[in-house]
Amino acid sequence: MSQQRFLLVNAALIVLIVGHLYHIIQDRENWPFSQYPMFREVSHERSITRMELYGVMQEDSHQEFPLRQVSGDFDEETADAASREIYSIGRSKNIKSEERQQMLDGAMHDALSEYERRRLAGEYEGPPLQGIRLYRATWQLDDPAKSKADPPDQQELIYEVART
């Protein structure tokens, strides 16, 4: 093997090793340096709990539906990430209660405004909303045929906003 080829192979190995170490220390997920967090933990629970954004219909405040049903923007990954961020704002101890309230209101009103803007633009079909609710939804996995498409077994209202 020539000297140049030897140096090139070693340089490539060093880049890969340093890249992996950097991403492990920074806890990042950039390919090809991924830590594969899906396999990091084993879940022994027979339930799924996740945050869900529900739209409250304008005609009847008792009628609501999961926003992921009508909008690609509120699909489960996006809605889950957004709702977790909203929820973490609400639970953060580093934020003053007035500031927390403003951040929660702002995030929820942004989600409501974005839904209405895209609905009016015709990007997806859905009823007009008067508000949005954030729930912690839990599905018990006792039935093998049950999925997240079914209504949750338990719901806990975390936060809600209405159109101003």
N, C-alpha and C. Protein backbone atom coordinates (compact mmCIF):
# COMPACT_ATOMS: atom_id res chain seq x y z
N MET A 1 0.85 -1.16 0.00
CA MET A 1 0.00 0.00 0.00
C MET A 1 0.90 1.23 0.00
N SER A 2 0.51 2.21 -0.84
CA SER A 2 1.34 3.41 -0.95
C SER A 2 1.14 4.31 0.28
N GLN A 3 2.07 5.19 0.48
CA GLN A 3 2.04 6.12 1.62
C GLN A 3 0.80 7.02 1.56
N GLN A 4 0.44 7.49 0.35
CA GLN A 4 -0.73 8.38 0.21
C GLN A 4 -2.02 7.64 0.54
N ARG A 5 -2.17 6.42 0.07
CA ARG A 5 -3.37 5.64 0.35
C ARG A 5 -3.47 5.36 1.85
N PHE A 6 -2.37 5.04 2.48
CA PHE A 6 -2.34 4.77 3.91
C PHE A 6 -2.79 6.01 4.70
N LEU A 7 -2.28 7.18 4.33
CA LEU A 7 -2.67 8.42 5.00
C LEU A 7 -4.15 8.75 4.75
N LEU A 8 -4.64 8.51 3.55
CA LEU A 8 -6.04 8.78 3.22
C LEU A 8 -6.99 7.90 4.04
N VAL A 9 -6.69 6.61 4.14
CA VAL A 9 -7.52 5.68 4.91
C VAL A 9 -7.50 6.08 6.39
N ASN A 10 -6.34 6.37 6.93
CA ASN A 10 -6.25 6.78 8.33
C ASN A 10 -6.98 8.10 8.58
N ALA A 11 -6.88 9.04 7.67
CA ALA A 11 -7.59 10.32 7.82
C ALA A 11 -9.10 10.09 7.82
N ALA A 12 -9.59 9.22 6.95
CA ALA A 12 -11.03 8.92 6.90
C ALA A 12 -11.48 8.27 8.21
N LEU A 13 -10.70 7.35 8.74
CA LEU A 13 -11.05 6.71 10.01
C LEU A 13 -11.07 7.72 11.15
N ILE A 14 -10.10 8.61 11.18
CA ILE A 14 -10.05 9.62 12.23
C ILE A 14 -11.25 10.55 12.15
N VAL A 15 -11.65 10.95 10.93
CA VAL A 15 -12.83 11.80 10.77
C VAL A 15 -14.07 11.10 11.30
N LEU A 16 -14.25 9.83 10.98
CA LEU A 16 -15.41 9.08 11.46
C LEU A 16 -15.41 8.94 12.98
N ILE A 17 -14.27 8.60 13.55
CA ILE A 17 -14.20 8.42 15.00
C ILE A 17 -14.43 9.74 15.73
N VAL A 18 -13.78 10.79 15.29
CA VAL A 18 -13.96 12.11 15.92
C VAL A 18 -15.39 12.59 15.74
N GLY A 19 -15.96 12.37 14.56
CA GLY A 19 -17.35 12.75 14.31
C GLY A 19 -18.31 12.04 15.25
N HIS A 20 -18.13 10.73 15.41
CA HIS A 20 -18.97 9.97 16.34
C HIS A 20 -18.82 10.48 17.77
N LEU A 21 -17.60 10.68 18.21
CA LEU A 21 -17.37 11.17 19.58
C LEU A 21 -17.99 12.54 19.80
N TYR A 22 -17.84 13.43 18.83
CA TYR A 22 -18.41 14.77 18.94
C TYR A 22 -19.93 14.70 19.06
N HIS A 23 -20.58 13.88 18.23
CA HIS A 23 -22.03 13.79 18.26
C HIS A 23 -22.54 13.08 19.51
N ILE A 24 -21.77 12.16 20.04
CA ILE A 24 -22.15 11.51 21.29
C ILE A 24 -22.08 12.52 22.44
N ILE A 25 -21.02 13.29 22.49
CA ILE A 25 -20.86 14.29 23.55
C ILE A 25 -21.94 15.37 23.42
N GLN A 26 -22.24 15.83 22.21
CA GLN A 26 -23.24 16.87 21.99
C GLN A 26 -24.67 16.33 22.00
N ASP A 27 -24.83 15.02 22.03
CA ASP A 27 -26.14 14.36 22.00
C ASP A 27 -26.94 14.81 20.78
N ARG A 28 -26.33 14.71 19.62
CA ARG A 28 -26.95 15.10 18.36
C ARG A 28 -27.29 13.86 17.54
N GLU A 29 -28.13 14.09 16.54
CA GLU A 29 -28.55 13.00 15.67
C GLU A 29 -28.34 13.38 14.21
N ASN A 30 -27.11 13.44 13.77
CA ASN A 30 -26.81 13.75 12.36
C ASN A 30 -26.18 12.53 11.71
N TRP A 31 -26.80 12.06 10.65
CA TRP A 31 -26.25 10.92 9.94
C TRP A 31 -24.90 11.30 9.39
N PRO A 32 -23.90 10.48 9.39
CA PRO A 32 -23.87 9.07 9.76
C PRO A 32 -23.43 8.84 11.20
N PHE A 33 -23.55 9.86 12.03
CA PHE A 33 -23.06 9.77 13.40
C PHE A 33 -24.19 9.55 14.40
N SER A 34 -25.26 8.93 13.99
CA SER A 34 -26.45 8.77 14.82
C SER A 34 -26.22 7.79 15.95
N GLN A 35 -26.86 8.09 17.10
CA GLN A 35 -26.77 7.21 18.27
C GLN A 35 -27.93 6.22 18.31
N TYR A 36 -28.88 6.33 17.38
CA TYR A 36 -30.04 5.45 17.32
C TYR A 36 -30.80 5.41 18.64
N PRO A 37 -31.43 6.54 19.03
CA PRO A 37 -32.11 6.59 20.33
C PRO A 37 -33.31 5.65 20.41
N MET A 38 -33.84 5.23 19.27
CA MET A 38 -34.97 4.31 19.29
C MET A 38 -34.61 3.02 20.02
N PHE A 39 -33.37 2.63 19.94
CA PHE A 39 -32.94 1.37 20.54
C PHE A 39 -32.22 1.58 21.87
N ARG A 40 -32.17 2.82 22.34
CA ARG A 40 -31.44 3.12 23.56
C ARG A 40 -32.16 2.62 24.80
N GLU A 41 -33.51 2.67 24.78
CA GLU A 41 -34.28 2.29 25.96
C GLU A 41 -35.28 1.19 25.59
N VAL A 42 -35.58 0.36 26.56
CA VAL A 42 -36.57 -0.69 26.38
C VAL A 42 -37.80 -0.31 27.20
N SER A 43 -38.95 -0.30 26.56
CA SER A 43 -40.18 0.04 27.26
C SER A 43 -40.89 -1.23 27.67
N HIS A 44 -41.22 -1.32 28.95
CA HIS A 44 -41.94 -2.48 29.47
C HIS A 44 -43.40 -2.15 29.74
N GLU A 45 -43.79 -0.89 29.51
CA GLU A 45 -45.16 -0.48 29.76
C GLU A 45 -46.08 -1.00 28.67
N ARG A 46 -47.32 -1.22 29.03
CA ARG A 46 -48.31 -1.66 28.07
C ARG A 46 -49.23 -0.50 27.70
N SER A 47 -48.63 0.70 27.59
CA SER A 47 -49.41 1.87 27.21
C SER A 47 -48.52 2.85 26.45
N ILE A 48 -49.17 3.75 25.74
CA ILE A 48 -48.48 4.82 25.04
C ILE A 48 -49.06 6.13 25.54
N THR A 49 -48.21 7.04 25.95
CA THR A 49 -48.65 8.36 26.37
C THR A 49 -47.95 9.39 25.50
N ARG A 50 -48.73 10.30 24.96
CA ARG A 50 -48.16 11.36 24.14
C ARG A 50 -49.02 12.60 24.23
N MET A 51 -48.46 13.72 23.84
CA MET A 51 -49.19 14.97 23.85
C MET A 51 -49.94 15.10 22.53
N GLU A 52 -51.18 15.58 22.61
CA GLU A 52 -52.03 15.71 21.43
C GLU A 52 -52.65 17.10 21.41
N LEU A 53 -52.62 17.74 20.23
CA LEU A 53 -53.31 19.00 20.03
C LEU A 53 -54.68 18.71 19.42
N TYR A 54 -55.72 19.25 20.03
CA TYR A 54 -57.09 19.08 19.55
C TYR A 54 -57.64 20.44 19.14
N GLY A 55 -58.35 20.46 18.03
CA GLY A 55 -59.04 21.67 17.60
C GLY A 55 -60.44 21.69 18.17
N VAL A 56 -60.88 22.86 18.64
CA VAL A 56 -62.23 23.03 19.17
C VAL A 56 -63.04 23.73 18.09
N MET A 57 -64.11 23.08 17.64
CA MET A 57 -64.90 23.60 16.53
C MET A 57 -65.61 24.89 16.90
N GLN A 58 -65.76 25.75 15.89
CA GLN A 58 -66.35 27.05 16.11
C GLN A 58 -67.84 26.95 16.46
N GLU A 59 -68.53 26.00 15.84
CA GLU A 59 -69.98 25.88 16.05
C GLU A 59 -70.31 25.38 17.46
N ASP A 60 -69.51 24.47 17.96
CA ASP A 60 -69.83 23.83 19.24
C ASP A 60 -68.54 23.60 20.02
N SER A 61 -68.43 24.26 21.17
CA SER A 61 -67.19 24.16 21.94
C SER A 61 -67.01 22.78 22.57
N HIS A 62 -68.04 21.92 22.51
CA HIS A 62 -67.92 20.57 23.05
C HIS A 62 -67.42 19.58 22.00
N GLN A 63 -67.40 20.01 20.74
CA GLN A 63 -66.89 19.14 19.68
C GLN A 63 -65.43 19.48 19.43
N GLU A 64 -64.59 18.46 19.49
CA GLU A 64 -63.17 18.64 19.24
C GLU A 64 -62.65 17.43 18.48
N PHE A 65 -61.50 17.61 17.85
CA PHE A 65 -60.89 16.53 17.08
C PHE A 65 -59.38 16.71 17.10
N PRO A 66 -58.63 15.60 16.97
CA PRO A 66 -57.16 15.72 16.91
C PRO A 66 -56.75 16.44 15.63
N LEU A 67 -55.89 17.43 15.73
CA LEU A 67 -55.48 18.19 14.55
C LEU A 67 -54.72 17.33 13.54
N ARG A 68 -54.12 16.25 13.99
CA ARG A 68 -53.38 15.38 13.06
C ARG A 68 -54.32 14.72 12.06
N GLN A 69 -55.63 14.73 12.29
CA GLN A 69 -56.57 14.10 11.37
C GLN A 69 -56.77 14.92 10.10
N VAL A 70 -56.58 16.24 10.16
CA VAL A 70 -56.89 17.08 9.01
C VAL A 70 -55.67 17.71 8.37
N SER A 71 -54.56 17.75 9.06
CA SER A 71 -53.44 18.52 8.55
C SER A 71 -52.15 17.73 8.58
N GLY A 72 -51.44 17.79 7.46
CA GLY A 72 -50.12 17.18 7.42
C GLY A 72 -49.14 17.88 8.34
N ASP A 73 -49.40 19.18 8.62
CA ASP A 73 -48.53 19.93 9.52
C ASP A 73 -48.70 19.50 10.96
N PHE A 74 -49.83 18.91 11.26
CA PHE A 74 -50.09 18.45 12.62
C PHE A 74 -50.03 16.94 12.67
N ASP A 75 -49.21 16.33 11.80
CA ASP A 75 -49.04 14.89 11.86
C ASP A 75 -48.42 14.53 13.20
N GLU A 76 -48.36 13.24 13.49
CA GLU A 76 -48.00 12.87 14.85
C GLU A 76 -46.61 13.32 15.26
N GLU A 77 -45.63 13.31 14.36
CA GLU A 77 -44.29 13.73 14.76
C GLU A 77 -44.25 15.23 15.03
N THR A 78 -44.84 16.03 14.13
CA THR A 78 -44.82 17.47 14.28
C THR A 78 -45.64 17.90 15.49
N ALA A 79 -46.84 17.35 15.60
CA ALA A 79 -47.71 17.71 16.73
C ALA A 79 -47.09 17.26 18.04
N ASP A 80 -46.49 16.09 18.04
CA ASP A 80 -45.87 15.59 19.27
C ASP A 80 -44.72 16.49 19.69
N ALA A 81 -43.88 16.88 18.73
CA ALA A 81 -42.75 17.76 19.06
C ALA A 81 -43.25 19.13 19.52
N ALA A 82 -44.23 19.69 18.81
CA ALA A 82 -44.75 21.01 19.18
C ALA A 82 -45.44 20.96 20.54
N SER A 83 -46.24 19.92 20.76
CA SER A 83 -46.96 19.86 22.02
C SER A 83 -46.02 19.57 23.18
N ARG A 84 -44.97 18.79 22.96
CA ARG A 84 -43.99 18.58 24.02
C ARG A 84 -43.27 19.88 24.37
N GLU A 85 -42.98 20.69 23.33
CA GLU A 85 -42.33 21.98 23.58
C GLU A 85 -43.27 22.88 24.38
N ILE A 86 -44.55 22.91 24.00
CA ILE A 86 -45.52 23.72 24.74
C ILE A 86 -45.63 23.22 26.16
N TYR A 87 -45.69 21.90 26.33
CA TYR A 87 -45.81 21.31 27.65
C TYR A 87 -44.57 21.59 28.50
N SER A 88 -43.38 21.50 27.88
CA SER A 88 -42.15 21.75 28.64
C SER A 88 -42.06 23.21 29.07
N ILE A 89 -42.59 24.12 28.24
CA ILE A 89 -42.65 25.52 28.66
C ILE A 89 -43.47 25.63 29.92
N GLY A 90 -44.60 24.94 29.96
CA GLY A 90 -45.49 25.00 31.10
C GLY A 90 -44.89 24.41 32.36
N ARG A 91 -43.99 23.46 32.24
CA ARG A 91 -43.43 22.79 33.41
C ARG A 91 -42.05 23.30 33.81
N SER A 92 -41.47 24.17 32.98
CA SER A 92 -40.12 24.65 33.25
C SER A 92 -40.07 25.47 34.53
N LYS A 93 -39.10 25.17 35.37
CA LYS A 93 -38.93 25.91 36.62
C LYS A 93 -38.01 27.11 36.44
N ASN A 94 -37.33 27.20 35.29
CA ASN A 94 -36.41 28.30 35.04
C ASN A 94 -37.11 29.53 34.49
N ILE A 95 -38.40 29.41 34.19
CA ILE A 95 -39.15 30.51 33.59
C ILE A 95 -40.14 31.04 34.62
N LYS A 96 -40.21 32.35 34.75
CA LYS A 96 -41.17 32.97 35.66
C LYS A 96 -42.59 32.66 35.19
N SER A 97 -43.53 32.61 36.14
CA SER A 97 -44.89 32.19 35.81
C SER A 97 -45.56 33.12 34.80
N GLU A 98 -45.32 34.43 34.88
CA GLU A 98 -45.92 35.36 33.90
C GLU A 98 -45.34 35.11 32.51
N GLU A 99 -44.02 34.92 32.46
CA GLU A 99 -43.36 34.67 31.19
C GLU A 99 -43.79 33.32 30.61
N ARG A 100 -43.94 32.33 31.48
CA ARG A 100 -44.40 31.01 31.06
C ARG A 100 -45.79 31.10 30.44
N GLN A 101 -46.67 31.84 31.10
CA GLN A 101 -48.03 32.01 30.61
C GLN A 101 -48.03 32.67 29.24
N GLN A 102 -47.20 33.70 29.06
CA GLN A 102 -47.10 34.38 27.77
C GLN A 102 -46.56 33.45 26.70
N MET A 103 -45.56 32.65 27.03
CA MET A 103 -44.98 31.72 26.06
C MET A 103 -45.99 30.64 25.66
N LEU A 104 -46.71 30.10 26.64
CA LEU A 104 -47.74 29.10 26.35
C LEU A 104 -48.84 29.69 25.48
N ASP A 105 -49.32 30.86 25.86
CA ASP A 105 -50.36 31.51 25.07
C ASP A 105 -49.87 31.77 23.65
N GLY A 106 -48.65 32.27 23.54
CA GLY A 106 -48.10 32.56 22.22
C GLY A 106 -47.96 31.32 21.36
N ALA A 107 -47.45 30.24 21.92
CA ALA A 107 -47.26 29.01 21.15
C ALA A 107 -48.60 28.42 20.72
N MET A 108 -49.57 28.42 21.63
CA MET A 108 -50.88 27.87 21.28
C MET A 108 -51.61 28.76 20.27
N HIS A 109 -51.52 30.09 20.43
CA HIS A 109 -52.16 30.99 19.47
C HIS A 109 -51.49 30.88 18.10
N ASP A 110 -50.16 30.68 18.09
CA ASP A 110 -49.46 30.47 16.82
C ASP A 110 -49.97 29.23 16.11
N ALA A 111 -50.16 28.14 16.86
CA ALA A 111 -50.67 26.91 16.26
C ALA A 111 -52.08 27.12 15.72
N LEU A 112 -52.92 27.83 16.46
CA LEU A 112 -54.28 28.12 16.01
C LEU A 112 -54.28 29.00 14.77
N SER A 113 -53.46 30.04 14.77
CA SER A 113 -53.37 30.94 13.61
C SER A 113 -52.86 30.21 12.38
N GLU A 114 -51.85 29.37 12.56
CA GLU A 114 -51.30 28.62 11.43
C GLU A 114 -52.34 27.67 10.85
N TYR A 115 -53.08 27.00 11.72
CA TYR A 115 -54.15 26.11 11.25
C TYR A 115 -55.15 26.89 10.41
N GLU A 116 -55.63 28.02 10.93
CA GLU A 116 -56.64 28.80 10.23
C GLU A 116 -56.09 29.38 8.93
N ARG A 117 -54.85 29.86 8.94
CA ARG A 117 -54.26 30.43 7.73
C ARG A 117 -54.19 29.39 6.63
N ARG A 118 -53.73 28.20 6.96
CA ARG A 118 -53.61 27.14 5.95
C ARG A 118 -54.96 26.59 5.53
N ARG A 119 -55.91 26.56 6.45
CA ARG A 119 -57.25 26.10 6.10
C ARG A 119 -57.88 27.05 5.10
N LEU A 120 -57.76 28.36 5.35
CA LEU A 120 -58.31 29.36 4.44
C LEU A 120 -57.59 29.38 3.09
N ALA A 121 -56.31 29.02 3.09
CA ALA A 121 -55.54 28.95 1.84
C ALA A 121 -55.87 27.69 1.05
N GLY A 122 -56.65 26.78 1.63
CA GLY A 122 -57.05 25.56 0.94
C GLY A 122 -56.00 24.47 0.94
N GLU A 123 -55.01 24.57 1.80
CA GLU A 123 -53.97 23.55 1.84
C GLU A 123 -54.48 22.24 2.41
N TYR A 124 -55.52 22.31 3.23
CA TYR A 124 -56.17 21.11 3.73
C TYR A 124 -57.57 21.47 4.17
N GLU A 125 -58.40 20.46 4.25
CA GLU A 125 -59.79 20.68 4.65
C GLU A 125 -59.92 20.46 6.15
N GLY A 126 -60.75 21.27 6.74
CA GLY A 126 -61.02 21.15 8.17
C GLY A 126 -61.99 22.25 8.56
N PRO A 127 -62.69 22.06 9.63
CA PRO A 127 -63.66 23.06 10.06
C PRO A 127 -62.96 24.27 10.69
N PRO A 128 -63.64 25.42 10.71
CA PRO A 128 -63.08 26.57 11.42
C PRO A 128 -63.01 26.28 12.92
N LEU A 129 -61.97 26.80 13.55
CA LEU A 129 -61.76 26.52 14.97
C LEU A 129 -61.97 27.77 15.80
N GLN A 130 -62.45 27.57 17.03
CA GLN A 130 -62.52 28.67 17.99
C GLN A 130 -61.40 28.57 19.02
N GLY A 131 -60.72 27.41 19.06
CA GLY A 131 -59.63 27.26 20.01
C GLY A 131 -58.87 25.97 19.81
N ILE A 132 -57.81 25.81 20.60
CA ILE A 132 -56.99 24.60 20.57
C ILE A 132 -56.77 24.15 22.01
N ARG A 133 -56.78 22.84 22.20
CA ARG A 133 -56.53 22.25 23.52
C ARG A 133 -55.35 21.29 23.42
N LEU A 134 -54.53 21.30 24.45
CA LEU A 134 -53.41 20.37 24.56
C LEU A 134 -53.75 19.33 25.60
N TYR A 135 -53.73 18.07 25.20
CA TYR A 135 -54.05 16.97 26.11
C TYR A 135 -52.85 16.04 26.25
N ARG A 136 -52.75 15.41 27.39
CA ARG A 136 -51.86 14.25 27.56
C ARG A 136 -52.77 13.05 27.36
N ALA A 137 -52.57 12.33 26.26
CA ALA A 137 -53.43 11.20 25.89
C ALA A 137 -52.69 9.89 26.15
N THR A 138 -53.43 8.91 26.66
CA THR A 138 -52.86 7.60 26.97
C THR A 138 -53.72 6.51 26.34
N TRP A 139 -53.05 5.59 25.65
CA TRP A 139 -53.70 4.43 25.07
C TRP A 139 -53.19 3.20 25.81
N GLN A 140 -54.06 2.37 26.34
CA GLN A 140 -53.68 1.10 26.96
C GLN A 140 -53.58 0.06 25.85
N LEU A 141 -52.48 -0.65 25.82
CA LEU A 141 -52.22 -1.61 24.74
C LEU A 141 -52.61 -3.03 25.16
N ASP A 142 -53.79 -3.16 25.75
CA ASP A 142 -54.23 -4.49 26.17
C ASP A 142 -54.84 -5.27 25.02
N ASP A 143 -55.31 -4.58 23.99
CA ASP A 143 -55.89 -5.23 22.81
C ASP A 143 -54.87 -5.16 21.67
N PRO A 144 -54.48 -6.29 21.07
CA PRO A 144 -53.47 -6.24 20.00
C PRO A 144 -53.93 -5.46 18.77
N ALA A 145 -55.23 -5.30 18.58
CA ALA A 145 -55.73 -4.59 17.42
C ALA A 145 -55.82 -3.09 17.63
N LYS A 146 -55.53 -2.61 18.83
CA LYS A 146 -55.65 -1.19 19.15
C LYS A 146 -54.47 -0.42 18.58
N SER A 147 -54.76 0.81 18.12
CA SER A 147 -53.70 1.67 17.59
C SER A 147 -53.93 3.10 18.05
N LYS A 148 -52.99 3.99 17.69
CA LYS A 148 -53.13 5.40 18.06
C LYS A 148 -54.23 6.07 17.25
N ALA A 149 -54.73 5.42 16.20
CA ALA A 149 -55.84 5.98 15.44
C ALA A 149 -57.14 5.88 16.24
N ASP A 150 -57.20 4.95 17.19
CA ASP A 150 -58.38 4.82 18.06
C ASP A 150 -58.38 5.97 19.06
N PRO A 151 -59.55 6.31 19.60
CA PRO A 151 -59.57 7.35 20.65
C PRO A 151 -58.76 6.89 21.87
N PRO A 152 -58.10 7.84 22.54
CA PRO A 152 -57.31 7.46 23.71
C PRO A 152 -58.20 6.96 24.85
N ASP A 153 -57.62 6.12 25.70
CA ASP A 153 -58.35 5.60 26.86
C ASP A 153 -58.46 6.66 27.96
N GLN A 154 -57.45 7.51 28.07
CA GLN A 154 -57.45 8.57 29.08
C GLN A 154 -56.94 9.85 28.43
N GLN A 155 -57.51 10.97 28.85
CA GLN A 155 -57.05 12.28 28.40
C GLN A 155 -57.01 13.22 29.59
N GLU A 156 -55.92 13.96 29.68
CA GLU A 156 -55.79 14.97 30.72
C GLU A 156 -55.56 16.31 30.02
N LEU A 157 -56.46 17.26 30.27
CA LEU A 157 -56.33 18.59 29.67
C LEU A 157 -55.15 19.31 30.31
N ILE A 158 -54.21 19.75 29.50
CA ILE A 158 -53.02 20.44 29.99
C ILE A 158 -53.20 21.94 29.85
N TYR A 159 -53.66 22.38 28.67
CA TYR A 159 -53.76 23.82 28.41
C TYR A 159 -54.74 24.03 27.28
N GLU A 160 -55.35 25.21 27.26
CA GLU A 160 -56.27 25.53 26.17
C GLU A 160 -56.29 27.02 25.92
N VAL A 161 -56.48 27.40 24.66
CA VAL A 161 -56.63 28.79 24.28
C VAL A 161 -57.82 28.91 23.34
N ALA A 162 -58.44 30.09 23.35
CA ALA A 162 -59.54 30.38 22.44
C ALA A 162 -59.12 31.56 21.57
N ARG A 163 -59.74 31.64 20.42
CA ARG A 163 -59.44 32.73 19.50
C ARG A 163 -59.85 34.04 20.16
N THR A 164 -59.01 35.06 19.99
CA THR A 164 -59.32 36.37 20.57
C THR A 164 -59.93 37.28 19.56
